[in-house]
């Protein structure tokens, strides 16, 4: 029987990368999505059939947070995560041979704005605000399910960097047009991870059956916004980058219908549990990551 992996919400940047890598490894990949050509969320029978005997379920579903936090978008961001997580949990409960491991997306944004010290799984302080509420509610919905035959792992993922999408496209455009200076004070921490490491972490956690619970998925070497923009300019061969003060970011965020929190919040996260478990990062420094991506 061909090995199976199920990727709910797997049509985005991370999902497409995962799909390609799993297919290269000989897996049959099932994607659950509202996009045509995939298993629809309304078809629970088809979802259960895909989940039967699956080795992995890696849930990436949820409305993008790259939007204005108005009432309508807030409801959709929250409900898209709660609804899909509950559908998956109930469908796994209905399986005769449930998946071995269910990994659910979460976010490093769950921790408070931190410029004083790094946040670990054990000693990190949960923050406040809408984005944190989304993360804590999402994890609560996920861990409410009691699944004796399926390990549950929440991936508190930092900003994911890769060649074919994600945040690298807008950041490269800023540098290209001379706007690659600091955003805000530039002191805010930029916790990041290469998409290849995120995939390898998934494989690592699957192999280590003793591991479950919450894991920070982030490079062991977070940097400041100033350091990130400097490294990006250096890699792209652009000497000058004009800074973007907070007031200008606020104006720009309204124009492009997003939130400044995405660039101004200081995410200082380290992968303590992964490091203790013996995971070795392919891309430990931002220079290594950018050399591969650009």
C-alpha atoms as a PDB file:
ATOM      1  CA  UNK A   1       0.000   0.000   0.000  1.00  0.00           C
ATOM      2  CA  UNK A   2       1.349   3.451  -0.955  1.00  0.00           C
ATOM      3  CA  UNK A   3       2.149   5.678   2.051  1.00  0.00           C
ATOM      4  CA  UNK A   4      -0.300   8.544   2.507  1.00  0.00           C
ATOM      5  CA  UNK A   5      -0.061  12.098   3.794  1.00  0.00           C
ATOM      6  CA  UNK A   6      -3.018  14.459   4.180  1.00  0.00           C
ATOM      7  CA  UNK A   7      -2.435  18.218   3.829  1.00  0.00           C
ATOM      8  CA  UNK A   8      -5.520  20.185   4.862  1.00  0.00           C
ATOM      9  CA  UNK A   9      -5.172  23.724   3.532  1.00  0.00           C
ATOM     10  CA  UNK A  10      -2.197  22.609   1.463  1.00  0.00           C
ATOM     11  CA  UNK A  11      -2.635  24.966  -1.512  1.00  0.00           C
ATOM     12  CA  UNK A  12      -0.426  27.818  -0.278  1.00  0.00           C
ATOM     13  CA  UNK A  13       3.324  28.451  -0.277  1.00  0.00           C
ATOM     14  CA  UNK A  14       4.154  25.944   2.490  1.00  0.00           C
ATOM     15  CA  UNK A  15       1.605  23.374   1.327  1.00  0.00           C
ATOM     16  CA  UNK A  16       2.917  23.321  -2.234  1.00  0.00           C
ATOM     17  CA  UNK A  17       6.475  22.836  -0.993  1.00  0.00           C
ATOM     18  CA  UNK A  18       5.381  19.998   1.298  1.00  0.00           C
ATOM     19  CA  UNK A  19       3.364  18.362  -1.497  1.00  0.00           C
ATOM     20  CA  UNK A  20       6.353  18.336  -3.835  1.00  0.00           C
ATOM     21  CA  UNK A  21       8.741  16.926  -1.210  1.00  0.00           C
ATOM     22  CA  UNK A  22       6.344  14.197  -0.084  1.00  0.00           C
ATOM     23  CA  UNK A  23       5.672  13.127  -3.676  1.00  0.00           C
ATOM     24  CA  UNK A  24       9.431  12.913  -4.247  1.00  0.00           C
ATOM     25  CA  UNK A  25       9.544  10.542  -1.260  1.00  0.00           C
ATOM     26  CA  UNK A  26       6.883   8.321  -2.811  1.00  0.00           C
ATOM     27  CA  UNK A  27       3.853   9.429  -0.785  1.00  0.00           C
ATOM     28  CA  UNK A  28       0.344   9.790  -2.122  1.00  0.00           C
ATOM     29  CA  UNK A  29      -0.749  13.288  -1.128  1.00  0.00           C
ATOM     30  CA  UNK A  30      -4.348  14.240  -0.352  1.00  0.00           C
ATOM     31  CA  UNK A  31      -5.216  17.935  -0.059  1.00  0.00           C
ATOM     32  CA  UNK A  32      -8.375  19.186   1.671  1.00  0.00           C
ATOM     33  CA  UNK A  33      -9.323  22.619   0.415  1.00  0.00           C
ATOM     34  CA  UNK A  34     -12.089  24.916  -0.729  1.00  0.00           C
ATOM     35  CA  UNK A  35     -10.184  25.216  -4.023  1.00  0.00           C
ATOM     36  CA  UNK A  36     -11.475  23.067  -6.857  1.00  0.00           C
ATOM     37  CA  UNK A  37      -9.708  19.818  -7.641  1.00  0.00           C
ATOM     38  CA  UNK A  38      -9.218  18.836  -4.007  1.00  0.00           C
ATOM     39  CA  UNK A  39     -11.268  17.146  -1.282  1.00  0.00           C
ATOM     40  CA  UNK A  40     -13.897  19.698  -0.142  1.00  0.00           C
ATOM     41  CA  UNK A  41     -14.326  20.396   3.561  1.00  0.00           C
ATOM     42  CA  UNK A  42     -18.037  19.559   3.287  1.00  0.00           C
ATOM     43  CA  UNK A  43     -17.346  15.962   2.187  1.00  0.00           C
ATOM     44  CA  UNK A  44     -16.588  14.250   5.501  1.00  0.00           C
ATOM     45  CA  UNK A  45     -16.811  10.777   3.962  1.00  0.00           C
ATOM     46  CA  UNK A  46     -14.003  11.634   1.534  1.00  0.00           C
ATOM     47  CA  UNK A  47     -11.951  13.207   4.339  1.00  0.00           C
ATOM     48  CA  UNK A  48     -12.299  10.070   6.478  1.00  0.00           C
ATOM     49  CA  UNK A  49     -11.303   7.896   3.505  1.00  0.00           C
ATOM     50  CA  UNK A  50      -8.179  10.007   2.976  1.00  0.00           C
ATOM     51  CA  UNK A  51      -7.299   9.869   6.685  1.00  0.00           C
ATOM     52  CA  UNK A  52      -7.604   6.073   6.948  1.00  0.00           C
ATOM     53  CA  UNK A  53      -4.115   4.553   7.342  1.00  0.00           C
ATOM     54  CA  UNK A  54      -2.428   7.904   6.692  1.00  0.00           C
ATOM     55  CA  UNK A  55       1.033   8.338   8.143  1.00  0.00           C
ATOM     56  CA  UNK A  56       0.720  12.113   8.530  1.00  0.00           C
ATOM     57  CA  UNK A  57      -1.929  14.785   8.783  1.00  0.00           C
ATOM     58  CA  UNK A  58      -0.389  18.261   8.604  1.00  0.00           C
ATOM     59  CA  UNK A  59      -3.060  20.914   8.967  1.00  0.00           C
ATOM     60  CA  UNK A  60      -2.186  24.225   7.287  1.00  0.00           C
ATOM     61  CA  UNK A  61      -5.763  25.486   6.906  1.00  0.00           C
ATOM     62  CA  UNK A  62      -6.885  28.963   7.913  1.00  0.00           C
ATOM     63  CA  UNK A  63      -7.610  32.362   6.375  1.00  0.00           C
ATOM     64  CA  UNK A  64      -4.442  34.422   5.879  1.00  0.00           C
ATOM     65  CA  UNK A  65      -3.720  36.993   8.598  1.00  0.00           C
ATOM     66  CA  UNK A  66      -2.305  39.306   5.924  1.00  0.00           C
ATOM     67  CA  UNK A  67      -5.385  41.535   5.915  1.00  0.00           C
ATOM     68  CA  UNK A  68      -7.003  44.350   7.893  1.00  0.00           C
ATOM     69  CA  UNK A  69      -8.329  43.212  11.253  1.00  0.00           C
ATOM     70  CA  UNK A  70     -11.869  44.471  10.749  1.00  0.00           C
ATOM     71  CA  UNK A  71     -14.835  42.645  12.280  1.00  0.00           C
ATOM     72  CA  UNK A  72     -15.559  40.507   9.212  1.00  0.00           C
ATOM     73  CA  UNK A  73     -11.948  39.402   8.730  1.00  0.00           C
ATOM     74  CA  UNK A  74     -11.479  38.684  12.437  1.00  0.00           C
ATOM     75  CA  UNK A  75     -14.459  36.336  12.425  1.00  0.00           C
ATOM     76  CA  UNK A  76     -13.210  34.567   9.283  1.00  0.00           C
ATOM     77  CA  UNK A  77      -9.640  34.224  10.607  1.00  0.00           C
ATOM     78  CA  UNK A  78     -10.850  32.673  13.862  1.00  0.00           C
ATOM     79  CA  UNK A  79     -13.643  30.505  12.478  1.00  0.00           C
ATOM     80  CA  UNK A  80     -11.589  29.147   9.581  1.00  0.00           C
ATOM     81  CA  UNK A  81      -9.152  27.671  12.105  1.00  0.00           C
ATOM     82  CA  UNK A  82     -11.712  26.425  14.631  1.00  0.00           C
ATOM     83  CA  UNK A  83     -14.010  24.863  12.025  1.00  0.00           C
ATOM     84  CA  UNK A  84     -11.338  23.010  10.051  1.00  0.00           C
ATOM     85  CA  UNK A  85      -9.595  21.744  13.193  1.00  0.00           C
ATOM     86  CA  UNK A  86     -12.879  20.392  14.541  1.00  0.00           C
ATOM     87  CA  UNK A  87     -13.719  18.698  11.232  1.00  0.00           C
ATOM     88  CA  UNK A  88     -10.331  16.969  11.227  1.00  0.00           C
ATOM     89  CA  UNK A  89     -10.594  15.891  14.867  1.00  0.00           C
ATOM     90  CA  UNK A  90     -14.048  14.386  14.411  1.00  0.00           C
ATOM     91  CA  UNK A  91     -13.043  12.662  11.176  1.00  0.00           C
ATOM     92  CA  UNK A  92      -9.974  11.136  12.851  1.00  0.00           C
ATOM     93  CA  UNK A  93     -12.234   9.843  15.624  1.00  0.00           C
ATOM     94  CA  UNK A  94     -14.386   8.196  12.946  1.00  0.00           C
ATOM     95  CA  UNK A  95     -11.427   6.365  11.361  1.00  0.00           C
ATOM     96  CA  UNK A  96     -10.960   2.621  11.832  1.00  0.00           C
ATOM     97  CA  UNK A  97      -7.200   3.024  11.268  1.00  0.00           C
ATOM     98  CA  UNK A  98      -6.488   6.660  12.207  1.00  0.00           C
ATOM     99  CA  UNK A  99      -3.359   8.599  11.212  1.00  0.00           C
ATOM    100  CA  UNK A 100      -0.224   8.029  13.282  1.00  0.00           C
ATOM    101  CA  UNK A 101       0.411  11.715  13.848  1.00  0.00           C
ATOM    102  CA  UNK A 102      -1.604  14.913  13.492  1.00  0.00           C
ATOM    103  CA  UNK A 103       0.445  18.094  13.263  1.00  0.00           C
ATOM    104  CA  UNK A 104      -1.529  21.309  13.476  1.00  0.00           C
ATOM    105  CA  UNK A 105      -0.236  24.731  12.514  1.00  0.00           C
ATOM    106  CA  UNK A 106       0.127  27.320  15.211  1.00  0.00           C
ATOM    107  CA  UNK A 107       2.228  30.462  15.330  1.00  0.00           C
ATOM    108  CA  UNK A 108       5.171  32.000  17.176  1.00  0.00           C
ATOM    109  CA  UNK A 109       2.977  35.106  17.442  1.00  0.00           C
ATOM    110  CA  UNK A 110       1.379  33.408  20.456  1.00  0.00           C
ATOM    111  CA  UNK A 111       4.169  34.871  22.628  1.00  0.00           C
ATOM    112  CA  UNK A 112       4.299  38.469  23.823  1.00  0.00           C
ATOM    113  CA  UNK A 113       6.245  41.248  22.119  1.00  0.00           C
ATOM    114  CA  UNK A 114       9.746  40.480  23.397  1.00  0.00           C
ATOM    115  CA  UNK A 115      12.865  42.624  23.164  1.00  0.00           C
ATOM    116  CA  UNK A 116      14.274  41.554  26.532  1.00  0.00           C
ATOM    117  CA  UNK A 117      14.658  37.769  26.259  1.00  0.00           C
ATOM    118  CA  UNK A 118      13.834  34.798  24.017  1.00  0.00           C
ATOM    119  CA  UNK A 119      10.625  32.809  24.373  1.00  0.00           C
ATOM    120  CA  UNK A 120      10.816  29.013  24.788  1.00  0.00           C
ATOM    121  CA  UNK A 121       8.030  26.454  24.983  1.00  0.00           C
ATOM    122  CA  UNK A 122       8.536  26.105  28.742  1.00  0.00           C
ATOM    123  CA  UNK A 123       9.298  29.675  29.784  1.00  0.00           C
ATOM    124  CA  UNK A 124       7.699  31.743  27.033  1.00  0.00           C
ATOM    125  CA  UNK A 125       5.053  34.266  28.082  1.00  0.00           C
ATOM    126  CA  UNK A 126       1.777  34.230  26.160  1.00  0.00           C
ATOM    127  CA  UNK A 127       0.906  37.667  24.823  1.00  0.00           C
ATOM    128  CA  UNK A 128      -2.341  39.607  24.445  1.00  0.00           C
ATOM    129  CA  UNK A 129      -4.408  40.875  21.539  1.00  0.00           C
ATOM    130  CA  UNK A 130      -6.340  39.423  18.632  1.00  0.00           C
ATOM    131  CA  UNK A 131      -3.492  37.441  17.020  1.00  0.00           C
ATOM    132  CA  UNK A 132      -2.664  35.801  20.342  1.00  0.00           C
ATOM    133  CA  UNK A 133      -6.339  34.998  20.940  1.00  0.00           C
ATOM    134  CA  UNK A 134      -6.431  33.255  17.546  1.00  0.00           C
ATOM    135  CA  UNK A 135      -3.364  31.175  18.408  1.00  0.00           C
ATOM    136  CA  UNK A 136      -4.493  30.172  21.898  1.00  0.00           C
ATOM    137  CA  UNK A 137      -8.016  29.321  20.726  1.00  0.00           C
ATOM    138  CA  UNK A 138      -6.609  27.301  17.825  1.00  0.00           C
ATOM    139  CA  UNK A 139      -4.351  25.261  20.088  1.00  0.00           C
ATOM    140  CA  UNK A 140      -7.138  24.766  22.624  1.00  0.00           C
ATOM    141  CA  UNK A 141      -9.467  23.412  19.936  1.00  0.00           C
ATOM    142  CA  UNK A 142      -6.702  21.118  18.693  1.00  0.00           C
ATOM    143  CA  UNK A 143      -5.727  19.635  22.036  1.00  0.00           C
ATOM    144  CA  UNK A 144      -9.315  19.127  23.212  1.00  0.00           C
ATOM    145  CA  UNK A 145      -9.440  15.925  21.138  1.00  0.00           C
ATOM    146  CA  UNK A 146      -8.444  12.722  22.908  1.00  0.00           C
ATOM    147  CA  UNK A 147      -6.924  10.498  20.250  1.00  0.00           C
ATOM    148  CA  UNK A 148      -5.229   7.442  21.774  1.00  0.00           C
ATOM    149  CA  UNK A 149      -3.849   6.200  18.435  1.00  0.00           C
ATOM    150  CA  UNK A 150      -2.779   9.572  17.026  1.00  0.00           C
ATOM    151  CA  UNK A 151       0.026  11.764  18.389  1.00  0.00           C
ATOM    152  CA  UNK A 152      -0.790  15.478  18.417  1.00  0.00           C
ATOM    153  CA  UNK A 153       1.812  18.165  17.774  1.00  0.00           C
ATOM    154  CA  UNK A 154       1.272  21.925  17.489  1.00  0.00           C
ATOM    155  CA  UNK A 155       3.842  23.694  15.315  1.00  0.00           C
ATOM    156  CA  UNK A 156       4.431  27.226  16.628  1.00  0.00           C
ATOM    157  CA  UNK A 157       6.002  28.413  13.410  1.00  0.00           C
ATOM    158  CA  UNK A 158       8.053  31.574  12.944  1.00  0.00           C
ATOM    159  CA  UNK A 159       8.114  33.547   9.681  1.00  0.00           C
ATOM    160  CA  UNK A 160       8.783  31.032   6.905  1.00  0.00           C
ATOM    161  CA  UNK A 161      11.333  31.908   4.223  1.00  0.00           C
ATOM    162  CA  UNK A 162      11.600  30.186   0.854  1.00  0.00           C
ATOM    163  CA  UNK A 163      12.156  30.690  -2.860  1.00  0.00           C
ATOM    164  CA  UNK A 164       8.661  30.461  -4.253  1.00  0.00           C
ATOM    165  CA  UNK A 165       6.429  32.776  -2.258  1.00  0.00           C
ATOM    166  CA  UNK A 166       5.759  33.763   1.325  1.00  0.00           C
ATOM    167  CA  UNK A 167       7.203  36.964   2.786  1.00  0.00           C
ATOM    168  CA  UNK A 168      10.338  36.972   0.620  1.00  0.00           C
ATOM    169  CA  UNK A 169       8.491  38.466  -2.357  1.00  0.00           C
ATOM    170  CA  UNK A 170       7.435  41.736  -0.662  1.00  0.00           C
ATOM    171  CA  UNK A 171      10.733  42.051   1.222  1.00  0.00           C
ATOM    172  CA  UNK A 172      12.752  41.643  -1.981  1.00  0.00           C
ATOM    173  CA  UNK A 173      10.577  44.232  -3.698  1.00  0.00           C
ATOM    174  CA  UNK A 174      11.248  46.720  -0.896  1.00  0.00           C
ATOM    175  CA  UNK A 175      14.996  46.253  -1.289  1.00  0.00           C
ATOM    176  CA  UNK A 176      14.806  46.384  -5.089  1.00  0.00           C
ATOM    177  CA  UNK A 177      13.078  49.781  -5.014  1.00  0.00           C
ATOM    178  CA  UNK A 178      15.415  51.290  -2.424  1.00  0.00           C
ATOM    179  CA  UNK A 179      13.088  50.887   0.569  1.00  0.00           C
ATOM    180  CA  UNK A 180      15.036  48.085   2.251  1.00  0.00           C
ATOM    181  CA  UNK A 181      15.942  49.934   5.418  1.00  0.00           C
ATOM    182  CA  UNK A 182      14.605  49.249   8.891  1.00  0.00           C
ATOM    183  CA  UNK A 183      10.883  49.120   9.593  1.00  0.00           C
ATOM    184  CA  UNK A 184       9.934  51.055  12.708  1.00  0.00           C
ATOM    185  CA  UNK A 185      12.759  51.083  15.246  1.00  0.00           C
ATOM    186  CA  UNK A 186      14.513  48.125  13.631  1.00  0.00           C
ATOM    187  CA  UNK A 187      15.093  46.667  17.101  1.00  0.00           C
ATOM    188  CA  UNK A 188      12.166  44.241  16.938  1.00  0.00           C
ATOM    189  CA  UNK A 189      13.267  40.611  16.708  1.00  0.00           C
ATOM    190  CA  UNK A 190      12.716  38.705  13.486  1.00  0.00           C
ATOM    191  CA  UNK A 191      12.316  34.995  14.216  1.00  0.00           C
ATOM    192  CA  UNK A 192      12.426  33.002  10.997  1.00  0.00           C
ATOM    193  CA  UNK A 193      12.768  29.501   9.561  1.00  0.00           C
ATOM    194  CA  UNK A 194      13.677  28.171   6.112  1.00  0.00           C
ATOM    195  CA  UNK A 195      10.826  26.166   4.593  1.00  0.00           C
ATOM    196  CA  UNK A 196      13.235  23.254   4.047  1.00  0.00           C
ATOM    197  CA  UNK A 197      13.911  23.106   7.788  1.00  0.00           C
ATOM    198  CA  UNK A 198      10.201  23.224   8.531  1.00  0.00           C
ATOM    199  CA  UNK A 199       9.731  20.173   6.310  1.00  0.00           C
ATOM    200  CA  UNK A 200      12.662  18.359   7.905  1.00  0.00           C
ATOM    201  CA  UNK A 201      11.236  19.118  11.357  1.00  0.00           C
ATOM    202  CA  UNK A 202       7.992  17.434  10.314  1.00  0.00           C
ATOM    203  CA  UNK A 203       9.951  14.327   9.286  1.00  0.00           C
ATOM    204  CA  UNK A 204      12.004  14.457  12.500  1.00  0.00           C
ATOM    205  CA  UNK A 205       8.923  14.689  14.722  1.00  0.00           C
ATOM    206  CA  UNK A 206       7.301  11.817  12.849  1.00  0.00           C
ATOM    207  CA  UNK A 207      10.336   9.596  13.433  1.00  0.00           C
ATOM    208  CA  UNK A 208      10.590  10.428  17.145  1.00  0.00           C
ATOM    209  CA  UNK A 209       7.407   8.808  18.413  1.00  0.00           C
ATOM    210  CA  UNK A 210       8.115   9.905  21.986  1.00  0.00           C
ATOM    211  CA  UNK A 211       7.616  13.577  21.056  1.00  0.00           C
ATOM    212  CA  UNK A 212       4.277  15.350  21.240  1.00  0.00           C
ATOM    213  CA  UNK A 213       2.768  18.649  22.366  1.00  0.00           C
ATOM    214  CA  UNK A 214       3.983  22.126  21.410  1.00  0.00           C
ATOM    215  CA  UNK A 215       7.166  22.872  19.445  1.00  0.00           C
ATOM    216  CA  UNK A 216       8.691  26.210  18.420  1.00  0.00           C
ATOM    217  CA  UNK A 217       9.632  25.928  14.748  1.00  0.00           C
ATOM    218  CA  UNK A 218      12.191  28.684  14.370  1.00  0.00           C
ATOM    219  CA  UNK A 219      15.867  29.072  13.554  1.00  0.00           C
ATOM    220  CA  UNK A 220      18.103  28.941  16.659  1.00  0.00           C
ATOM    221  CA  UNK A 221      19.499  32.335  15.594  1.00  0.00           C
ATOM    222  CA  UNK A 222      16.758  34.993  15.509  1.00  0.00           C
ATOM    223  CA  UNK A 223      17.925  38.440  14.456  1.00  0.00           C
ATOM    224  CA  UNK A 224      16.688  42.008  14.623  1.00  0.00           C
ATOM    225  CA  UNK A 225      14.745  43.659  11.825  1.00  0.00           C
ATOM    226  CA  UNK A 226      17.798  45.866  11.207  1.00  0.00           C
ATOM    227  CA  UNK A 227      20.051  42.789  10.827  1.00  0.00           C
ATOM    228  CA  UNK A 228      17.587  41.057   8.524  1.00  0.00           C
ATOM    229  CA  UNK A 229      17.228  44.009   6.174  1.00  0.00           C
ATOM    230  CA  UNK A 230      21.007  44.529   6.143  1.00  0.00           C
ATOM    231  CA  UNK A 231      21.603  40.862   5.270  1.00  0.00           C
ATOM    232  CA  UNK A 232      18.962  41.011   2.531  1.00  0.00           C
ATOM    233  CA  UNK A 233      20.432  44.175   1.007  1.00  0.00           C
ATOM    234  CA  UNK A 234      23.894  42.644   1.105  1.00  0.00           C
ATOM    235  CA  UNK A 235      22.723  39.463  -0.617  1.00  0.00           C
ATOM    236  CA  UNK A 236      20.890  41.445  -3.317  1.00  0.00           C
ATOM    237  CA  UNK A 237      23.811  43.831  -3.857  1.00  0.00           C
ATOM    238  CA  UNK A 238      21.858  46.958  -2.894  1.00  0.00           C
ATOM    239  CA  UNK A 239      23.847  49.426  -0.802  1.00  0.00           C
ATOM    240  CA  UNK A 240      21.126  51.871   0.234  1.00  0.00           C
ATOM    241  CA  UNK A 241      17.816  51.154   1.922  1.00  0.00           C
ATOM    242  CA  UNK A 242      15.555  53.955   3.126  1.00  0.00           C
ATOM    243  CA  UNK A 243      13.963  53.344   6.548  1.00  0.00           C
ATOM    244  CA  UNK A 244      10.205  53.186   7.006  1.00  0.00           C
ATOM    245  CA  UNK A 245       9.053  54.902  10.230  1.00  0.00           C
ATOM    246  CA  UNK A 246       6.045  53.606  12.127  1.00  0.00           C
ATOM    247  CA  UNK A 247       3.682  56.385  10.946  1.00  0.00           C
ATOM    248  CA  UNK A 248       4.490  55.585   7.321  1.00  0.00           C
ATOM    249  CA  UNK A 249       3.933  51.866   7.935  1.00  0.00           C
ATOM    250  CA  UNK A 250       0.527  52.639   9.446  1.00  0.00           C
ATOM    251  CA  UNK A 251      -0.469  54.623   6.370  1.00  0.00           C
ATOM    252  CA  UNK A 252       0.893  52.026   3.992  1.00  0.00           C
ATOM    253  CA  UNK A 253      -0.806  49.174   5.852  1.00  0.00           C
ATOM    254  CA  UNK A 254      -4.181  50.822   5.344  1.00  0.00           C
ATOM    255  CA  UNK A 255      -3.483  51.298   1.638  1.00  0.00           C
ATOM    256  CA  UNK A 256      -2.452  47.669   1.026  1.00  0.00           C
ATOM    257  CA  UNK A 257      -5.043  46.335   3.487  1.00  0.00           C
ATOM    258  CA  UNK A 258      -2.804  44.644   6.051  1.00  0.00           C
ATOM    259  CA  UNK A 259      -1.626  45.218   9.653  1.00  0.00           C
ATOM    260  CA  UNK A 260       1.658  46.692  10.912  1.00  0.00           C
ATOM    261  CA  UNK A 261       1.837  43.985  13.587  1.00  0.00           C
ATOM    262  CA  UNK A 262       3.195  41.648  10.907  1.00  0.00           C
ATOM    263  CA  UNK A 263       6.441  43.661  10.778  1.00  0.00           C
ATOM    264  CA  UNK A 264       6.527  45.602  14.068  1.00  0.00           C
ATOM    265  CA  UNK A 265       5.875  42.869  16.643  1.00  0.00           C
ATOM    266  CA  UNK A 266       9.094  41.584  18.182  1.00  0.00           C
ATOM    267  CA  UNK A 267       9.007  37.804  17.853  1.00  0.00           C
ATOM    268  CA  UNK A 268      11.978  36.459  19.804  1.00  0.00           C
ATOM    269  CA  UNK A 269      11.499  32.698  19.704  1.00  0.00           C
ATOM    270  CA  UNK A 270      13.988  29.835  20.047  1.00  0.00           C
ATOM    271  CA  UNK A 271      13.423  26.101  19.356  1.00  0.00           C
ATOM    272  CA  UNK A 272      14.412  24.750  22.768  1.00  0.00           C
ATOM    273  CA  UNK A 273      12.494  21.464  22.581  1.00  0.00           C
ATOM    274  CA  UNK A 274      13.742  20.632  19.076  1.00  0.00           C
ATOM    275  CA  UNK A 275      17.325  21.400  20.056  1.00  0.00           C
ATOM    276  CA  UNK A 276      17.116  19.210  23.151  1.00  0.00           C
ATOM    277  CA  UNK A 277      15.583  16.408  21.071  1.00  0.00           C
ATOM    278  CA  UNK A 278      18.592  16.513  18.733  1.00  0.00           C
ATOM    279  CA  UNK A 279      17.294  18.262  15.625  1.00  0.00           C
ATOM    280  CA  UNK A 280      20.092  19.877  13.583  1.00  0.00           C
ATOM    281  CA  UNK A 281      19.089  22.802  11.385  1.00  0.00           C
ATOM    282  CA  UNK A 282      20.050  22.880   7.714  1.00  0.00           C
ATOM    283  CA  UNK A 283      19.930  26.689   7.749  1.00  0.00           C
ATOM    284  CA  UNK A 284      21.051  28.052  11.120  1.00  0.00           C
ATOM    285  CA  UNK A 285      21.909  31.618  10.059  1.00  0.00           C
ATOM    286  CA  UNK A 286      20.077  34.156   7.950  1.00  0.00           C
ATOM    287  CA  UNK A 287      23.098  34.379   5.635  1.00  0.00           C
ATOM    288  CA  UNK A 288      22.859  30.642   4.872  1.00  0.00           C
ATOM    289  CA  UNK A 289      19.120  30.910   4.244  1.00  0.00           C
ATOM    290  CA  UNK A 290      19.383  33.933   1.943  1.00  0.00           C
ATOM    291  CA  UNK A 291      22.257  32.357  -0.010  1.00  0.00           C
ATOM    292  CA  UNK A 292      19.941  29.438  -0.804  1.00  0.00           C
ATOM    293  CA  UNK A 293      16.841  31.524  -1.492  1.00  0.00           C
ATOM    294  CA  UNK A 294      18.395  34.319  -3.592  1.00  0.00           C
END
